[in-house]
């Protein structure tokens, strides 16, 4: 399942973000912030393997669109890659992201 976590350059190469992709390579989630140190990034990805205290929040934006955020102990880890037109389409995206994260948690832990 780790092949579903992809590191992406951010801020002109001065940092990294990561994306979680489905098996079809569609981006289901992106990191909530960018990381400048590799150790920080590795710690956050490792937290996805421990599902305890993970909270999924769905929010409606002022323009009427919807997005979600996955956090742990109040700290955002993952966010939706885009805003959705309806609560139903956002809910479908949340379920897909949850299934993938559950799959990561059941797979081997990172070294």
Protein backbone atom coordinates (compact mmCIF):
# COMPACT_ATOMS: atom_id res chain seq x y z
CA UNK A 1 0.00 0.00 0.00
CA UNK A 2 2.92 2.39 0.43
CA UNK A 3 3.04 2.76 -3.35
CA UNK A 4 -0.13 4.83 -2.89
CA UNK A 5 1.80 7.52 -0.95
CA UNK A 6 3.69 9.82 -3.30
CA UNK A 7 6.12 12.61 -2.35
CA UNK A 8 5.66 15.85 -4.28
CA UNK A 9 7.96 18.90 -4.39
CA UNK A 10 6.46 22.10 -2.99
CA UNK A 11 7.42 25.77 -2.71
CA UNK A 12 9.81 25.72 -5.63
CA UNK A 13 11.73 22.71 -4.33
CA UNK A 14 12.25 24.04 -0.78
CA UNK A 15 9.89 21.51 0.75
CA UNK A 16 7.69 18.49 0.18
CA UNK A 17 4.07 17.54 0.32
CA UNK A 18 2.68 14.09 -0.08
CA UNK A 19 -0.37 12.73 -1.85
CA UNK A 20 -2.35 9.57 -1.26
CA UNK A 21 -3.50 8.02 -4.53
CA UNK A 22 -6.02 5.32 -5.34
CA UNK A 23 -4.95 2.22 -7.21
CA UNK A 24 -6.12 4.02 -10.37
CA UNK A 25 -3.55 6.76 -9.53
CA UNK A 26 -6.23 9.35 -8.84
CA UNK A 27 -5.20 11.70 -6.00
CA UNK A 28 -7.58 11.15 -3.08
CA UNK A 29 -5.83 13.32 -0.48
CA UNK A 30 -2.90 15.69 -0.04
CA UNK A 31 -0.90 16.62 3.03
CA UNK A 32 -2.33 19.53 4.97
CA UNK A 33 1.00 21.35 4.98
CA UNK A 34 4.44 21.17 3.45
CA UNK A 35 7.52 19.82 5.17
CA UNK A 36 11.06 21.14 5.00
CA UNK A 37 12.73 18.26 6.86
CA UNK A 38 12.47 14.65 5.74
CA UNK A 39 12.16 13.45 9.33
CA UNK A 40 9.00 15.53 9.86
CA UNK A 41 7.43 14.09 6.74
CA UNK A 42 8.26 10.51 7.73
CA UNK A 43 6.70 11.00 11.18
CA UNK A 44 3.44 12.29 9.72
CA UNK A 45 3.16 9.44 7.20
CA UNK A 46 3.82 6.96 10.02
CA UNK A 47 0.84 8.46 11.91
CA UNK A 48 -1.45 7.28 9.12
CA UNK A 49 -0.61 3.71 10.15
CA UNK A 50 -2.00 4.34 13.63
CA UNK A 51 -5.69 5.10 13.14
CA UNK A 52 -6.42 5.96 16.78
CA UNK A 53 -7.60 9.52 17.36
CA UNK A 54 -8.02 10.24 13.64
CA UNK A 55 -10.89 12.64 13.03
CA UNK A 56 -12.53 13.37 9.68
CA UNK A 57 -14.24 16.77 9.37
CA UNK A 58 -16.42 17.92 6.48
CA UNK A 59 -16.86 21.66 5.89
CA UNK A 60 -18.98 23.78 3.62
CA UNK A 61 -17.23 26.79 2.08
CA UNK A 62 -18.84 30.19 1.61
CA UNK A 63 -19.25 29.46 -2.10
CA UNK A 64 -21.37 26.40 -1.24
CA UNK A 65 -18.75 23.79 -2.12
CA UNK A 66 -17.59 21.08 0.33
CA UNK A 67 -14.21 19.72 1.42
CA UNK A 68 -12.86 17.42 4.12
CA UNK A 69 -9.88 17.28 6.47
CA UNK A 70 -8.33 14.40 8.39
CA UNK A 71 -6.65 15.41 11.64
CA UNK A 72 -5.05 13.75 14.62
CA UNK A 73 -5.07 15.37 18.05
CA UNK A 74 -6.28 18.59 16.42
CA UNK A 75 -3.40 18.67 13.93
CA UNK A 76 -4.41 18.48 10.23
CA UNK A 77 -2.73 15.63 8.34
CA UNK A 78 -4.64 15.27 5.07
CA UNK A 79 -7.08 17.43 3.15
CA UNK A 80 -9.26 16.84 0.14
CA UNK A 81 -7.45 17.63 -3.11
CA UNK A 82 -10.36 19.77 -4.30
CA UNK A 83 -13.72 21.17 -3.23
CA UNK A 84 -16.86 19.24 -4.16
CA UNK A 85 -20.12 20.63 -5.51
CA UNK A 86 -22.36 18.62 -3.17
CA UNK A 87 -22.25 17.00 0.23
CA UNK A 88 -22.97 13.68 -1.51
CA UNK A 89 -19.89 13.89 -3.78
CA UNK A 90 -17.76 14.97 -0.80
CA UNK A 91 -19.10 12.01 1.21
CA UNK A 92 -18.12 9.61 -1.57
CA UNK A 93 -14.61 11.09 -1.56
CA UNK A 94 -14.41 10.74 2.24
CA UNK A 95 -15.37 7.05 2.06
CA UNK A 96 -12.72 6.38 -0.61
CA UNK A 97 -10.05 8.16 1.44
CA UNK A 98 -11.04 6.28 4.61
CA UNK A 99 -10.86 2.91 2.82
CA UNK A 100 -7.39 3.70 1.51
CA UNK A 101 -6.14 4.89 4.91
CA UNK A 102 -7.58 1.76 6.54
CA UNK A 103 -5.67 -0.26 3.94
CA UNK A 104 -2.47 1.61 4.81
CA UNK A 105 -3.03 0.89 8.50
CA UNK A 106 -3.45 -2.83 7.82
CA UNK A 107 -0.34 -3.03 5.64
CA UNK A 108 3.21 -3.25 6.90
CA UNK A 109 4.33 -0.32 9.01
CA UNK A 110 7.05 1.90 7.54
CA UNK A 111 10.61 1.26 8.69
